[in-house]
Amino acid sequence: MKQHRQETLAFWIYIAFIISVWCVYFVLTTVILLIFLKLLIALTVGLIVATVMTLLFVLVQRIFHSLSQ
């Protein structure tokens, strides 16, 4: 039972980390784009870039994890 709790806790820590990474990408991208673009376009591009970068981050993380096993 304790093993299950640890796995569940590790899963939620991982999800929180991924959400944090997405937020950092979104904020940084949006702030940089606001210098050059209008707000709506900067937010839209920021959402797209943050999502793609986070998915690539997870993909690379999974690839390296599977290589180390």
N, C-alpha and C. Protein backbone atom coordinates (compact mmCIF):
# COMPACT_ATOMS: atom_id res chain seq x y z
N MET A 1 0.83 -1.19 0.00
CA MET A 1 0.00 0.00 0.00
C MET A 1 0.87 1.26 0.00
N LYS A 2 1.98 1.21 0.72
CA LYS A 2 2.87 2.36 0.79
C LYS A 2 3.50 2.64 -0.58
N GLN A 3 3.80 1.58 -1.32
CA GLN A 3 4.36 1.73 -2.66
C GLN A 3 3.39 2.47 -3.58
N HIS A 4 2.12 2.15 -3.46
CA HIS A 4 1.09 2.81 -4.27
C HIS A 4 1.02 4.30 -3.96
N ARG A 5 1.10 4.65 -2.68
CA ARG A 5 1.08 6.06 -2.29
C ARG A 5 2.29 6.81 -2.86
N GLN A 6 3.45 6.17 -2.83
CA GLN A 6 4.65 6.80 -3.37
C GLN A 6 4.53 7.00 -4.87
N GLU A 7 3.98 6.02 -5.57
CA GLU A 7 3.79 6.15 -7.01
C GLU A 7 2.79 7.26 -7.33
N THR A 8 1.72 7.34 -6.55
CA THR A 8 0.73 8.38 -6.76
C THR A 8 1.33 9.76 -6.49
N LEU A 9 2.09 9.88 -5.42
CA LEU A 9 2.74 11.14 -5.10
C LEU A 9 3.73 11.53 -6.19
N ALA A 10 4.50 10.56 -6.68
CA ALA A 10 5.46 10.84 -7.75
C ALA A 10 4.74 11.29 -9.02
N PHE A 11 3.60 10.68 -9.31
CA PHE A 11 2.83 11.07 -10.49
C PHE A 11 2.36 12.51 -10.37
N TRP A 12 1.83 12.92 -9.21
CA TRP A 12 1.33 14.28 -9.05
C TRP A 12 2.47 15.30 -9.01
N ILE A 13 3.61 14.91 -8.49
CA ILE A 13 4.77 15.80 -8.54
C ILE A 13 5.20 16.00 -9.99
N TYR A 14 5.18 14.93 -10.76
CA TYR A 14 5.54 15.02 -12.18
C TYR A 14 4.56 15.92 -12.94
N ILE A 15 3.26 15.76 -12.68
CA ILE A 15 2.25 16.60 -13.34
C ILE A 15 2.44 18.07 -12.96
N ALA A 16 2.70 18.33 -11.68
CA ALA A 16 2.93 19.71 -11.23
C ALA A 16 4.17 20.30 -11.89
N PHE A 17 5.19 19.49 -12.06
CA PHE A 17 6.42 19.95 -12.71
C PHE A 17 6.15 20.29 -14.18
N ILE A 18 5.40 19.46 -14.86
CA ILE A 18 5.08 19.71 -16.27
C ILE A 18 4.23 20.98 -16.41
N ILE A 19 3.28 21.18 -15.52
CA ILE A 19 2.48 22.40 -15.55
C ILE A 19 3.35 23.62 -15.30
N SER A 20 4.29 23.50 -14.39
CA SER A 20 5.21 24.60 -14.12
C SER A 20 6.08 24.92 -15.32
N VAL A 21 6.56 23.89 -15.99
CA VAL A 21 7.37 24.10 -17.20
C VAL A 21 6.54 24.80 -18.26
N TRP A 22 5.28 24.37 -18.43
CA TRP A 22 4.40 25.01 -19.41
C TRP A 22 4.20 26.49 -19.07
N CYS A 23 3.97 26.78 -17.81
CA CYS A 23 3.75 28.17 -17.39
C CYS A 23 4.97 29.03 -17.66
N VAL A 24 6.15 28.50 -17.38
CA VAL A 24 7.38 29.26 -17.63
C VAL A 24 7.53 29.54 -19.12
N TYR A 25 7.33 28.51 -19.96
CA TYR A 25 7.41 28.71 -21.41
C TYR A 25 6.39 29.74 -21.87
N PHE A 26 5.17 29.64 -21.37
CA PHE A 26 4.10 30.54 -21.80
C PHE A 26 4.41 31.98 -21.42
N VAL A 27 4.79 32.20 -20.18
CA VAL A 27 5.06 33.56 -19.72
C VAL A 27 6.23 34.17 -20.47
N LEU A 28 7.32 33.43 -20.58
CA LEU A 28 8.50 33.97 -21.27
C LEU A 28 8.21 34.26 -22.74
N THR A 29 7.53 33.34 -23.40
CA THR A 29 7.22 33.55 -24.82
C THR A 29 6.29 34.73 -25.01
N THR A 30 5.26 34.82 -24.18
CA THR A 30 4.29 35.91 -24.30
C THR A 30 4.94 37.26 -24.04
N VAL A 31 5.77 37.34 -23.01
CA VAL A 31 6.44 38.61 -22.70
C VAL A 31 7.35 39.04 -23.83
N ILE A 32 8.10 38.11 -24.38
CA ILE A 32 9.00 38.46 -25.49
C ILE A 32 8.19 38.87 -26.72
N LEU A 33 7.11 38.17 -27.01
CA LEU A 33 6.31 38.49 -28.19
C LEU A 33 5.53 39.79 -28.04
N LEU A 34 5.21 40.17 -26.81
CA LEU A 34 4.48 41.43 -26.60
C LEU A 34 5.29 42.64 -27.05
N ILE A 35 6.59 42.50 -27.10
CA ILE A 35 7.43 43.59 -27.59
C ILE A 35 7.16 43.85 -29.07
N PHE A 36 6.86 42.78 -29.81
CA PHE A 36 6.75 42.88 -31.26
C PHE A 36 5.33 42.77 -31.80
N LEU A 37 4.42 42.14 -31.04
CA LEU A 37 3.09 41.84 -31.57
C LEU A 37 1.99 42.39 -30.66
N LYS A 38 0.76 42.34 -31.14
CA LYS A 38 -0.40 42.72 -30.34
C LYS A 38 -0.67 41.64 -29.29
N LEU A 39 -1.48 42.00 -28.29
CA LEU A 39 -1.72 41.11 -27.15
C LEU A 39 -2.35 39.79 -27.57
N LEU A 40 -3.41 39.82 -28.38
CA LEU A 40 -4.11 38.60 -28.75
C LEU A 40 -3.20 37.66 -29.54
N ILE A 41 -2.43 38.20 -30.46
CA ILE A 41 -1.52 37.37 -31.25
C ILE A 41 -0.41 36.82 -30.36
N ALA A 42 0.10 37.65 -29.45
CA ALA A 42 1.16 37.19 -28.55
C ALA A 42 0.66 36.07 -27.65
N LEU A 43 -0.57 36.19 -27.15
CA LEU A 43 -1.14 35.13 -26.30
C LEU A 43 -1.35 33.84 -27.08
N THR A 44 -1.86 33.96 -28.29
CA THR A 44 -2.11 32.77 -29.11
C THR A 44 -0.81 32.06 -29.46
N VAL A 45 0.16 32.81 -29.92
CA VAL A 45 1.45 32.20 -30.26
C VAL A 45 2.12 31.67 -29.01
N GLY A 46 1.99 32.37 -27.89
CA GLY A 46 2.56 31.89 -26.63
C GLY A 46 1.96 30.57 -26.20
N LEU A 47 0.64 30.42 -26.35
CA LEU A 47 -0.02 29.15 -26.03
C LEU A 47 0.50 28.01 -26.90
N ILE A 48 0.61 28.28 -28.18
CA ILE A 48 1.07 27.25 -29.12
C ILE A 48 2.51 26.86 -28.83
N VAL A 49 3.37 27.86 -28.68
CA VAL A 49 4.79 27.58 -28.43
C VAL A 49 4.97 26.85 -27.11
N ALA A 50 4.28 27.29 -26.07
CA ALA A 50 4.41 26.65 -24.76
C ALA A 50 3.95 25.19 -24.81
N THR A 51 2.86 24.94 -25.52
CA THR A 51 2.36 23.57 -25.61
C THR A 51 3.32 22.67 -26.39
N VAL A 52 3.81 23.14 -27.51
CA VAL A 52 4.73 22.35 -28.32
C VAL A 52 6.03 22.10 -27.57
N MET A 53 6.57 23.13 -26.93
CA MET A 53 7.83 22.97 -26.20
C MET A 53 7.66 22.02 -25.01
N THR A 54 6.53 22.07 -24.34
CA THR A 54 6.29 21.16 -23.22
C THR A 54 6.16 19.72 -23.70
N LEU A 55 5.45 19.52 -24.80
CA LEU A 55 5.33 18.17 -25.36
C LEU A 55 6.69 17.63 -25.80
N LEU A 56 7.50 18.47 -26.40
CA LEU A 56 8.85 18.04 -26.78
C LEU A 56 9.69 17.74 -25.54
N PHE A 57 9.53 18.54 -24.50
CA PHE A 57 10.24 18.30 -23.25
C PHE A 57 9.88 16.93 -22.67
N VAL A 58 8.59 16.62 -22.64
CA VAL A 58 8.14 15.32 -22.13
C VAL A 58 8.64 14.19 -23.01
N LEU A 59 8.59 14.37 -24.32
CA LEU A 59 9.05 13.35 -25.25
C LEU A 59 10.54 13.05 -25.06
N VAL A 60 11.35 14.08 -25.00
CA VAL A 60 12.79 13.89 -24.80
C VAL A 60 13.06 13.24 -23.45
N GLN A 61 12.33 13.65 -22.44
CA GLN A 61 12.50 13.06 -21.11
C GLN A 61 12.18 11.57 -21.13
N ARG A 62 11.10 11.20 -21.79
CA ARG A 62 10.72 9.78 -21.87
C ARG A 62 11.74 8.97 -22.69
N ILE A 63 12.25 9.57 -23.76
CA ILE A 63 13.24 8.86 -24.59
C ILE A 63 14.50 8.59 -23.78
N PHE A 64 15.00 9.60 -23.08
CA PHE A 64 16.22 9.39 -22.29
C PHE A 64 15.98 8.45 -21.12
N HIS A 65 14.77 8.48 -20.56
CA HIS A 65 14.46 7.55 -19.47
C HIS A 65 14.46 6.11 -19.97
N SER A 66 13.90 5.90 -21.15
CA SER A 66 13.86 4.52 -21.69
C SER A 66 15.25 4.06 -22.13
N LEU A 67 16.12 4.99 -22.54
CA LEU A 67 17.47 4.62 -22.92
C LEU A 67 18.32 4.22 -21.71
N SER A 68 18.03 4.81 -20.57
CA SER A 68 18.84 4.53 -19.38
C SER A 68 18.45 3.21 -18.72
N GLN A 69 17.31 2.64 -19.09
CA GLN A 69 16.89 1.38 -18.47
C GLN A 69 17.47 0.18 -19.16
